[in-house]
Protein backbone atom coordinates (compact mmCIF):
# COMPACT_ATOMS: atom_id res chain seq x y z
CA MET A 1 37.71 52.62 112.51
CA LEU A 2 37.86 51.63 108.66
CA ARG A 3 34.20 50.38 108.78
CA ARG A 4 33.01 53.55 110.41
CA ALA A 5 34.76 55.59 107.79
CA LEU A 6 33.36 53.71 104.87
CA LEU A 7 29.98 54.00 106.36
CA LEU A 8 30.38 57.65 106.80
CA THR A 9 31.73 58.17 103.33
CA THR A 10 28.86 56.12 101.81
CA SER A 11 26.37 58.26 103.79
CA LEU A 12 28.02 61.45 102.64
CA LEU A 13 27.83 60.31 98.91
CA LEU A 14 24.17 59.21 99.17
CA ALA A 15 23.28 62.59 100.81
CA GLY A 16 25.18 64.48 98.21
CA LEU A 17 23.29 62.57 95.40
CA VAL A 18 20.03 63.12 96.98
CA GLY A 19 20.78 66.63 97.84
CA GLY A 20 21.95 67.18 94.18
CA THR A 21 18.80 65.69 92.81
CA VAL A 22 16.68 67.72 94.94
CA TRP A 23 18.57 70.83 93.92
CA LEU A 24 18.47 70.07 90.28
CA SER A 25 14.78 69.21 90.20
CA SER A 26 13.36 71.77 92.81
CA THR A 27 15.21 74.90 92.15
CA GLU A 28 15.43 77.26 89.33
CA SER A 29 19.17 77.34 89.55
CA GLY A 30 18.93 73.47 89.22
CA LEU A 31 16.85 73.95 86.04
CA GLN A 32 19.36 76.11 84.47
CA THR A 33 22.04 73.55 85.15
CA SER A 34 20.06 70.72 83.79
CA ILE A 35 19.38 72.60 80.75
CA ARG A 36 23.17 73.23 80.14
CA LEU A 37 23.93 69.38 80.82
CA ALA A 38 21.08 68.39 78.26
CA GLY A 39 22.57 70.74 75.59
CA GLN A 40 26.03 69.41 76.13
CA ALA A 41 24.73 65.76 76.10
CA SER A 42 22.92 66.29 72.76
CA ALA A 43 26.12 67.97 71.08
CA GLY A 44 24.18 71.14 70.63
CA ARG A 45 21.24 69.74 68.80
CA LEU A 46 19.00 70.69 71.77
CA GLN A 47 18.70 74.29 72.49
CA ILE A 48 16.59 75.67 75.30
CA GLU A 49 16.11 79.36 76.02
CA GLN A 50 14.37 81.63 78.64
CA ALA A 51 13.41 78.77 80.89
CA SER A 52 12.04 79.45 84.30
CA GLY A 53 10.50 77.41 87.06
CA ARG A 54 11.56 74.01 88.26
CA LEU A 55 11.88 70.38 86.85
CA LEU A 56 9.28 69.34 89.36
CA GLY A 57 6.76 71.76 87.83
CA PRO A 58 5.32 74.10 87.00
CA LEU A 59 7.90 74.95 84.22
CA ASP A 60 7.92 77.58 81.51
CA ILE A 61 10.23 77.68 78.39
CA GLY A 62 10.45 80.57 76.11
CA SER A 63 11.89 78.45 73.21
CA LEU A 64 13.08 74.92 72.56
CA SER A 65 14.59 73.68 69.38
CA TRP A 66 16.15 70.42 68.12
CA GLU A 67 17.98 70.32 64.83
CA THR A 68 19.43 67.40 62.79
CA PRO A 69 20.22 67.31 59.05
CA ASP A 70 16.76 65.82 58.45
CA LEU A 71 14.45 67.46 60.88
CA GLN A 72 14.06 70.76 62.54
CA VAL A 73 11.62 71.27 65.48
CA ARG A 74 11.03 74.61 67.21
CA ALA A 75 8.55 75.07 70.05
CA GLU A 76 7.77 78.51 71.77
CA GLN A 77 5.93 79.66 74.99
CA ILE A 78 5.99 76.18 76.58
CA HIS A 79 4.19 75.55 79.77
CA LEU A 80 4.33 72.34 81.54
CA ASP A 81 2.36 71.54 84.77
CA TRP A 82 3.28 68.01 85.88
CA SER A 83 3.90 65.63 88.81
CA PRO A 84 6.98 63.57 88.07
CA THR A 85 6.86 62.25 91.65
CA GLU A 86 3.57 60.37 90.75
CA LEU A 87 5.51 58.18 88.40
CA PHE A 88 6.16 55.70 91.09
CA HIS A 89 2.38 55.64 92.13
CA SER A 90 -0.08 56.50 89.31
CA GLY A 91 1.96 57.00 86.33
CA LEU A 92 2.81 60.08 84.40
CA GLN A 93 0.33 62.85 85.42
CA ILE A 94 0.38 66.03 83.44
CA ALA A 95 -2.16 68.58 84.36
CA GLU A 96 -1.25 70.91 81.40
CA LEU A 97 1.05 70.93 78.55
CA SER A 98 0.58 73.96 76.25
CA LEU A 99 2.71 75.44 73.44
CA GLY A 100 2.25 78.84 71.78
CA LYS A 101 3.79 77.83 68.54
CA LEU A 102 5.16 74.43 67.13
CA HIS A 103 7.06 74.49 63.90
CA ILE A 104 8.28 71.41 62.20
CA THR A 105 10.47 71.22 59.05
CA SER A 106 11.71 67.96 57.50
CA ALA A 107 13.93 67.49 54.51
CA PRO A 108 12.10 66.83 51.27
CA ASP A 109 14.37 64.00 50.27
CA SER A 110 14.74 62.33 53.80
CA PRO A 111 13.74 58.57 53.74
CA PRO A 112 10.50 57.42 55.19
CA THR A 113 10.23 56.85 58.93
CA PRO A 114 10.17 53.02 59.54
CA ALA A 115 7.03 51.69 60.94
CA PRO A 116 7.27 50.91 64.65
CA SER A 117 6.78 47.19 65.94
CA THR A 118 5.39 48.39 69.24
CA LEU A 119 4.08 51.47 71.06
CA LEU A 120 3.69 49.90 74.49
CA LEU A 121 4.52 52.20 77.25
CA PRO A 122 6.10 51.12 80.68
CA VAL A 123 3.86 53.63 82.64
CA THR A 124 0.26 54.96 82.49
CA VAL A 125 -0.06 58.43 81.11
CA ASN A 126 -2.80 61.08 81.71
CA VAL A 127 -2.56 64.48 80.04
CA LYS A 128 -5.48 66.56 81.07
CA LYS A 129 -4.93 69.47 78.96
CA LEU A 130 -2.84 69.53 75.77
CA ALA A 131 -2.99 72.79 73.78
CA ILE A 132 -1.06 74.22 70.81
CA SER A 133 -2.07 77.66 69.68
CA ARG A 134 -0.51 77.36 66.22
CA LEU A 135 1.19 74.48 64.38
CA GLU A 136 3.15 74.79 61.15
CA TYR A 137 4.51 71.93 59.08
CA GLY A 138 6.98 73.58 56.69
CA ASN A 139 5.06 75.60 54.07
CA LEU A 140 2.66 72.92 53.51
CA PHE A 141 0.30 73.04 56.47
CA SER A 142 -0.66 75.26 59.32
CA ALA A 143 -3.36 75.01 62.00
CA GLU A 144 -4.54 76.90 65.02
CA ARG A 145 -6.27 76.31 68.40
CA ILE A 146 -5.38 72.58 68.78
CA ALA A 147 -6.56 70.92 71.93
CA GLY A 148 -7.37 67.58 73.28
CA GLN A 149 -6.71 65.09 76.25
CA LEU A 150 -4.44 62.22 76.32
CA SER A 151 -4.64 59.03 78.39
CA SER A 152 -2.80 55.61 78.27
CA ASN A 153 -2.91 52.43 80.35
CA GLY A 154 0.34 51.40 78.80
CA ARG A 155 -1.24 49.61 75.83
CA GLN A 156 -4.42 51.52 74.92
CA HIS A 157 -3.74 55.17 73.92
CA ARG A 158 -6.75 57.56 73.70
CA LEU A 159 -7.11 60.93 72.41
CA ASN A 160 -10.46 62.58 73.53
CA ASP A 161 -12.06 65.95 72.93
CA PHE A 162 -9.49 66.64 70.16
CA GLN A 163 -10.18 69.75 68.14
CA ILE A 164 -8.13 71.77 65.46
CA GLU A 165 -8.97 74.64 63.47
CA THR A 166 -7.34 75.64 59.89
CA SER A 167 -8.51 78.07 57.32
CA GLY A 168 -11.93 78.67 58.74
CA VAL A 169 -12.54 74.94 59.02
CA SER A 170 -12.82 73.07 62.48
CA LEU A 171 -12.32 69.42 63.34
CA ARG A 172 -13.49 67.75 66.48
CA GLY A 173 -12.95 64.07 67.12
CA GLN A 174 -11.29 61.18 69.12
CA ALA A 175 -9.00 58.22 68.43
CA VAL A 176 -7.89 55.04 70.05
CA LEU A 177 -4.58 53.27 69.29
CA ASP A 178 -3.46 49.86 70.41
CA GLY A 179 0.16 49.84 71.22
CA ALA A 180 0.61 46.11 70.51
CA ALA A 181 1.31 44.95 67.02
CA PRO A 182 -0.10 45.45 64.22
CA LEU A 183 -1.09 48.74 66.02
CA PRO A 184 -4.74 49.03 65.13
CA ILE A 185 -6.28 52.42 65.29
CA GLU A 186 -9.90 53.53 65.29
CA ALA A 187 -10.65 57.34 64.87
CA SER A 188 -13.69 59.45 63.94
CA ALA A 189 -14.09 63.23 63.49
CA GLU A 190 -16.63 65.81 62.35
CA ILE A 191 -15.49 68.62 60.23
CA THR A 192 -17.45 71.96 59.79
CA GLY A 193 -16.69 75.39 58.62
CA GLN A 194 -16.91 77.46 55.42
CA LEU A 195 -15.66 76.64 52.14
CA GLU A 196 -15.65 79.52 49.47
CA GLN A 197 -18.47 81.18 51.85
CA HIS A 198 -20.55 78.11 51.71
CA PRO A 199 -21.19 75.91 54.82
CA LEU A 200 -19.29 72.65 54.83
CA ALA A 201 -19.90 69.40 57.17
CA LEU A 202 -18.03 66.25 56.84
CA SER A 203 -17.91 62.93 58.90
CA VAL A 204 -14.49 61.16 58.78
CA LYS A 205 -13.75 57.69 60.05
CA ALA A 206 -10.29 55.89 59.98
CA SER A 207 -9.46 52.30 60.82
CA GLY A 208 -6.86 49.54 60.29
CA PRO A 209 -3.30 49.07 61.35
CA LEU A 210 -1.10 52.07 61.72
CA ALA A 211 0.97 51.21 58.64
CA ARG A 212 -2.00 51.03 56.36
CA ILE A 213 -5.03 53.16 57.47
CA ALA A 214 -8.44 53.09 55.72
CA LEU A 215 -9.95 56.74 55.90
CA ALA A 216 -13.46 57.44 54.70
CA ALA A 217 -14.94 60.90 54.47
CA THR A 218 -18.62 61.57 53.85
CA ALA A 219 -19.94 65.07 52.96
CA HIS A 220 -23.43 65.96 53.85
CA GLN A 221 -23.40 69.79 53.63
CA GLY A 222 -22.03 72.17 51.09
CA ILE A 223 -21.04 69.25 48.83
CA GLU A 224 -22.24 65.67 48.74
CA GLY A 225 -20.26 62.49 48.17
CA GLU A 226 -17.56 60.37 49.56
CA VAL A 227 -13.80 60.11 49.54
CA GLN A 228 -12.05 56.88 50.47
CA VAL A 229 -8.20 56.97 51.00
CA GLU A 230 -5.75 54.28 51.99
CA LEU A 231 -3.07 56.05 54.02
CA THR A 232 0.50 54.58 54.10
CA PRO A 233 2.31 57.09 56.61
CA PHE A 234 5.49 55.14 56.84
CA ALA A 235 5.93 54.12 53.16
CA SER A 236 7.75 56.17 50.43
CA ALA A 237 4.28 57.38 49.14
CA SER A 238 1.91 58.68 51.86
CA PHE A 239 -1.07 56.99 50.38
CA ALA A 240 -1.73 53.81 48.31
CA SER A 241 -4.93 54.81 46.67
CA ALA A 242 -7.77 57.43 46.73
CA ARG A 243 -11.32 57.31 45.27
CA ILE A 244 -13.52 60.38 45.03
CA ALA A 245 -17.15 60.42 44.26
CA LEU A 246 -18.95 63.80 44.59
CA ASP A 247 -22.38 64.62 43.30
CA ASN A 248 -24.78 67.33 42.74
CA ILE A 249 -22.12 70.02 42.24
CA ASP A 250 -23.65 73.28 40.85
CA PRO A 251 -21.09 75.89 39.48
CA ALA A 252 -23.69 78.60 39.74
CA ALA A 253 -23.96 78.12 43.52
CA TRP A 254 -20.18 78.63 43.87
CA VAL A 255 -19.30 81.27 41.29
CA ASP A 256 -21.39 84.37 40.56
CA GLY A 257 -22.54 84.35 37.05
CA ALA A 258 -21.40 80.76 36.25
CA PRO A 259 -23.89 78.71 34.38
CA ALA A 260 -26.04 76.10 36.20
CA ALA A 261 -25.41 72.40 36.10
CA ARG A 262 -25.70 69.23 38.06
CA LEU A 263 -22.08 67.73 37.99
CA SER A 264 -20.83 64.38 39.21
CA LEU A 265 -17.22 63.73 39.74
CA ARG A 266 -15.48 60.40 39.90
CA ALA A 267 -11.67 60.08 40.34
CA ASP A 268 -9.50 57.08 41.07
CA LEU A 269 -5.86 58.21 42.01
CA GLY A 270 -2.69 56.55 43.17
CA PRO A 271 1.00 57.48 43.73
CA LYS A 272 3.25 57.46 40.76
CA ASP A 273 7.07 58.14 41.01
CA ASP A 274 7.22 61.29 43.28
CA GLY A 275 3.68 62.52 42.40
CA VAL A 276 0.06 61.37 41.73
CA ALA A 277 -1.71 60.02 38.73
CA GLY A 278 -5.08 58.63 37.93
CA ASN A 279 -8.32 58.91 35.79
CA PHE A 280 -11.34 61.10 36.30
CA THR A 281 -14.72 61.58 34.99
CA VAL A 282 -17.31 64.41 35.25
CA SER A 283 -20.85 63.98 34.12
CA ASN A 284 -23.70 66.49 33.83
CA THR A 285 -27.35 65.64 34.03
CA GLN A 286 -28.49 69.20 33.35
CA ALA A 287 -26.57 70.19 30.29
CA GLY A 288 -27.96 73.06 28.28
CA ARG A 289 -27.29 76.17 26.23
CA LEU A 290 -25.45 79.15 27.81
CA ASP A 291 -28.18 81.70 26.88
CA ARG A 292 -30.45 79.45 29.08
CA GLN A 293 -27.89 79.78 31.88
CA ARG A 294 -26.87 76.18 31.53
CA LEU A 295 -23.49 74.58 31.06
CA PRO A 296 -23.20 72.87 27.57
CA LEU A 297 -21.33 69.95 28.78
CA ASP A 298 -22.45 66.34 28.87
CA SER A 299 -19.47 64.67 30.18
CA LEU A 300 -15.62 64.96 30.61
CA VAL A 301 -13.03 62.24 30.99
CA GLY A 302 -9.21 62.23 31.17
CA ARG A 303 -6.15 61.28 33.13
CA LEU A 304 -4.15 63.52 35.37
CA ALA A 305 -0.52 63.17 36.36
CA TRP A 306 0.79 65.54 39.15
CA GLN A 307 4.39 65.90 40.03
CA GLY A 308 5.92 68.92 41.93
CA ALA A 309 4.49 72.19 40.64
CA THR A 310 3.17 70.61 37.34
CA THR A 311 -0.13 68.88 36.66
CA ARG A 312 -0.51 67.32 33.26
CA LEU A 313 -4.06 66.52 31.91
CA GLU A 314 -3.97 63.79 29.26
CA SER A 315 -6.49 62.10 27.04
CA LEU A 316 -9.07 64.64 27.57
CA LYS A 317 -12.36 64.29 25.94
CA ALA A 318 -15.41 66.61 26.49
CA VAL A 319 -18.77 65.56 24.88
CA LEU A 320 -20.76 68.73 24.50
CA ASN A 321 -24.45 69.42 24.38
CA GLY A 322 -25.69 68.39 20.94
CA GLY A 323 -23.06 65.73 20.41
CA GLY A 324 -19.98 67.69 19.52
CA ASP A 325 -16.75 66.95 21.47
CA LEU A 326 -13.38 68.47 22.43
CA SER A 327 -10.27 66.36 22.68
CA GLY A 328 -6.68 66.97 23.57
CA SER A 329 -4.38 67.71 26.62
CA GLY A 330 -3.56 70.50 29.04
CA GLN A 331 -1.05 71.40 31.84
CA TRP A 332 -1.33 73.32 34.98
CA GLN A 333 1.92 75.07 36.05
CA ASN A 334 2.75 78.45 37.60
CA ASP A 335 -0.80 79.22 38.56
CA GLY A 336 -1.90 78.85 34.91
CA LEU A 337 -3.76 76.21 32.81
CA GLN A 338 -2.75 75.68 29.17
CA LEU A 339 -5.24 73.79 27.07
CA ASP A 340 -4.54 72.49 23.52
CA LEU A 341 -7.68 70.88 22.13
CA THR A 342 -9.43 69.83 18.83
CA ALA A 343 -13.16 70.38 18.23
CA ARG A 344 -15.14 67.85 16.14
CA ASN A 345 -18.66 68.43 14.97
CA LEU A 346 -19.24 71.38 17.26
CA ASP A 347 -22.80 72.71 16.85
CA ALA A 348 -23.02 76.43 17.73
CA SER A 349 -26.81 76.25 18.09
CA LYS A 350 -26.52 73.87 20.99
CA LEU A 351 -24.21 76.41 22.77
CA VAL A 352 -26.33 79.51 22.11
CA SER A 353 -29.87 79.02 20.86
CA SER A 354 -29.81 82.09 18.49
CA LEU A 355 -27.06 80.82 16.47
CA ARG A 356 -27.35 78.63 13.34
CA SER A 357 -26.55 74.87 13.45
CA THR A 358 -22.86 74.15 12.50
CA ARG A 359 -20.59 71.07 12.45
CA LEU A 360 -17.27 72.98 13.19
CA ASN A 361 -13.89 71.22 13.43
CA GLY A 362 -10.45 72.34 14.23
CA PRO A 363 -7.95 73.40 16.88
CA ILE A 364 -8.63 75.49 19.99
CA SER A 365 -5.95 76.66 22.38
CA ALA A 366 -6.40 78.48 25.65
CA THR A 367 -4.40 79.97 28.56
CA LEU A 368 -6.09 80.58 31.79
CA SER A 369 -4.68 82.17 34.83
CA SER A 370 -5.28 84.59 37.64
CA THR A 371 -3.56 87.30 35.60
CA ARG A 372 -4.13 86.36 31.96
CA GLN A 373 -6.77 84.65 29.95
CA ALA A 374 -6.34 84.01 26.17
CA VAL A 375 -7.98 81.95 23.59
CA LYS A 376 -7.14 81.02 19.96
CA LEU A 377 -9.37 79.08 17.68
CA ASP A 378 -9.46 78.10 13.84
CA LEU A 379 -12.94 76.28 13.17
CA LYS A 380 -14.50 75.39 9.95
CA ASP A 381 -17.25 73.05 8.37
CA SER A 382 -18.61 72.56 4.78
CA ARG A 383 -20.51 76.07 5.30
CA PHE A 384 -18.84 78.21 7.90
CA THR A 385 -15.41 79.45 8.91
CA LEU A 386 -14.35 81.00 12.44
CA LEU A 387 -10.98 82.33 13.13
CA ALA A 388 -10.34 84.28 16.42
CA GLU A 389 -7.87 85.34 18.92
CA ALA A 390 -8.67 87.22 22.23
CA SER A 391 -6.98 87.78 25.48
CA HIS A 392 -7.65 89.52 28.79
CA THR A 393 -4.81 90.92 30.88
CA GLY A 394 -5.40 93.17 33.86
CA GLN A 395 -7.90 95.83 32.75
CA GLN A 396 -7.06 95.23 29.03
CA VAL A 397 -9.37 93.21 26.59
CA SER A 398 -7.75 92.56 23.13
CA LEU A 399 -9.29 91.13 20.09
CA PRO A 400 -6.42 91.15 17.57
CA ARG A 401 -8.11 89.02 15.05
CA LEU A 402 -11.75 87.92 14.33
CA GLU A 403 -12.85 86.46 11.04
CA ILE A 404 -16.30 84.89 10.41
CA GLY A 405 -17.48 83.72 6.96
CA THR A 406 -19.75 81.64 4.80
CA GLY A 407 -19.85 81.48 1.07
CA GLN A 408 -19.05 85.02 -0.01
CA ALA A 409 -20.13 86.53 3.26
CA ARG A 410 -17.21 87.83 5.40
CA LEU A 411 -16.73 89.76 8.82
CA VAL A 412 -13.32 90.76 9.65
CA ALA A 413 -12.63 92.72 12.84
CA LYS A 414 -10.16 93.62 15.67
CA GLY A 415 -10.33 95.89 18.71
CA GLU A 416 -9.45 96.74 22.33
CA LEU A 417 -11.42 97.59 25.45
CA THR A 418 -9.93 99.01 28.73
CA LEU A 419 -11.98 97.89 31.79
CA ASP A 420 -11.54 101.14 33.81
CA LYS A 421 -14.16 103.65 34.77
CA ALA A 422 -14.03 105.30 31.35
CA MET A 423 -14.47 101.89 29.39
CA ALA A 424 -12.24 103.26 26.61
CA PHE A 425 -12.35 101.21 23.16
CA LYS A 426 -11.25 101.16 19.84
CA ALA A 427 -12.36 98.89 16.90
CA GLU A 428 -11.84 98.17 13.24
CA CYS A 429 -14.43 96.25 11.11
CA GLU A 430 -14.88 95.24 7.61
CA LEU A 431 -18.13 93.51 6.31
CA SER A 432 -18.49 92.16 2.75
CA ARG A 433 -21.76 90.70 1.55
CA PHE A 434 -22.53 90.05 5.07
CA ASP A 435 -25.99 88.59 5.93
CA PRO A 436 -26.69 88.23 9.69
CA SER A 437 -29.38 85.72 9.20
CA GLN A 438 -26.88 83.20 7.91
CA PHE A 439 -25.08 83.14 11.19
CA ALA A 440 -27.96 83.55 13.71
CA LYS A 441 -31.66 84.02 14.07
CA LEU A 442 -31.74 87.63 12.96
CA PRO A 443 -33.40 89.50 10.11
CA ALA A 444 -31.80 89.15 6.64
CA ALA A 445 -29.65 91.83 5.23
CA LEU A 446 -26.72 92.38 2.74
CA ILE A 447 -24.11 94.54 4.39
CA ASN A 448 -20.94 95.91 2.73
CA ALA A 449 -19.12 98.32 5.24
CA ARG A 450 -15.72 99.41 6.55
CA PHE A 451 -15.26 101.46 9.49
CA ASN A 452 -12.88 102.54 12.35
CA THR A 453 -14.07 103.69 15.70
CA GLN A 454 -12.93 104.72 19.10
CA GLY A 455 -14.45 106.23 22.27
CA LYS A 456 -15.73 105.73 25.80
CA LEU A 457 -18.60 103.54 26.83
CA GLU A 458 -19.01 105.70 30.02
CA PRO A 459 -18.96 109.64 29.84
């Protein structure tokens, strides 16, 4: 009798367990119960809302969030179509995993994630369709229309037909990762799209152990050149080094009205403290005068140090057309560039062909931003002096001070111009023994005059 009672009790328990499992996995009420249990087990870190379907699939979730002090993940409009019963036969089979939006935020001062020692899986995996409509990583990065296929035999993990779009640029590629140490990865991709309304095409390859990936990008449309970066995703700095080599850059092709040039850029960068620092060089094989629609720059060298919202430019030296140079420093901050330079042997005739030859020396300061541009200079040589202040803010151009002189000849002026439809202006000017031919290739004269004027350039 006791034996029969134990057998009956065991059978009832097994039946209840099986029945409960079937209920939890194959009914919508079981799904809701499973969600509540998962939320309680995670101490509230996991939150799932608006779920429908069943655990056995297909399954739809309105929103899923996971929050810890260092990481917040929120996924919306999740659809999962999978076959968990296939785990015992052919591994994890997922017909579709799609997300409408995935937002990830991590604490800025959180320690780096330790590198994994192995990524071997106990089962094979096959995800036939993976799709994310929009991905956001804090305020740093966003992308749309992410899609691909995932497969794994437990050791070799493959990503095929991967594609992603961001800011009008699309990437298509594939990758293979070995789950055994040292976790070697091989990946390649083609990037195409528009950059400042110009066609762009890049080829990208990555290889090496997962803790130190060598990435090489070659540009073959829009811009020319190569970029090599050594990525260290599990270190305190996300990269160990970056080398940039770009050629045949023409400012006139990118900015309307800009002078033509053939620029080459070389940069060697690396992490420093919480930012980036390194050296850069710009050379120009088509330097010329501004009135010939050329950029009067032979070369530019310097050092940059970027940290947070500030980029410092140090040890700047620009060699100009004709042999003069500018040296000094600068700083980019709050969407603006501040330059403090010193001119040496500046030859005005090499900048504009109609001007007389000079060897000007002195300070030049400039502020350049999207809302305000200003320049101040005080230059002189054995013959000439040039003192000027000018600014442009909104629709207002101001020239509070302009002084040009040589010997006893002098021009002193100031003025304002409004860049609206009427083009209103006002100006004051005084000329004393002024001979235009001493400053430019103009007819000789001897002018003494003083005048105030105002009006509109457009009726």
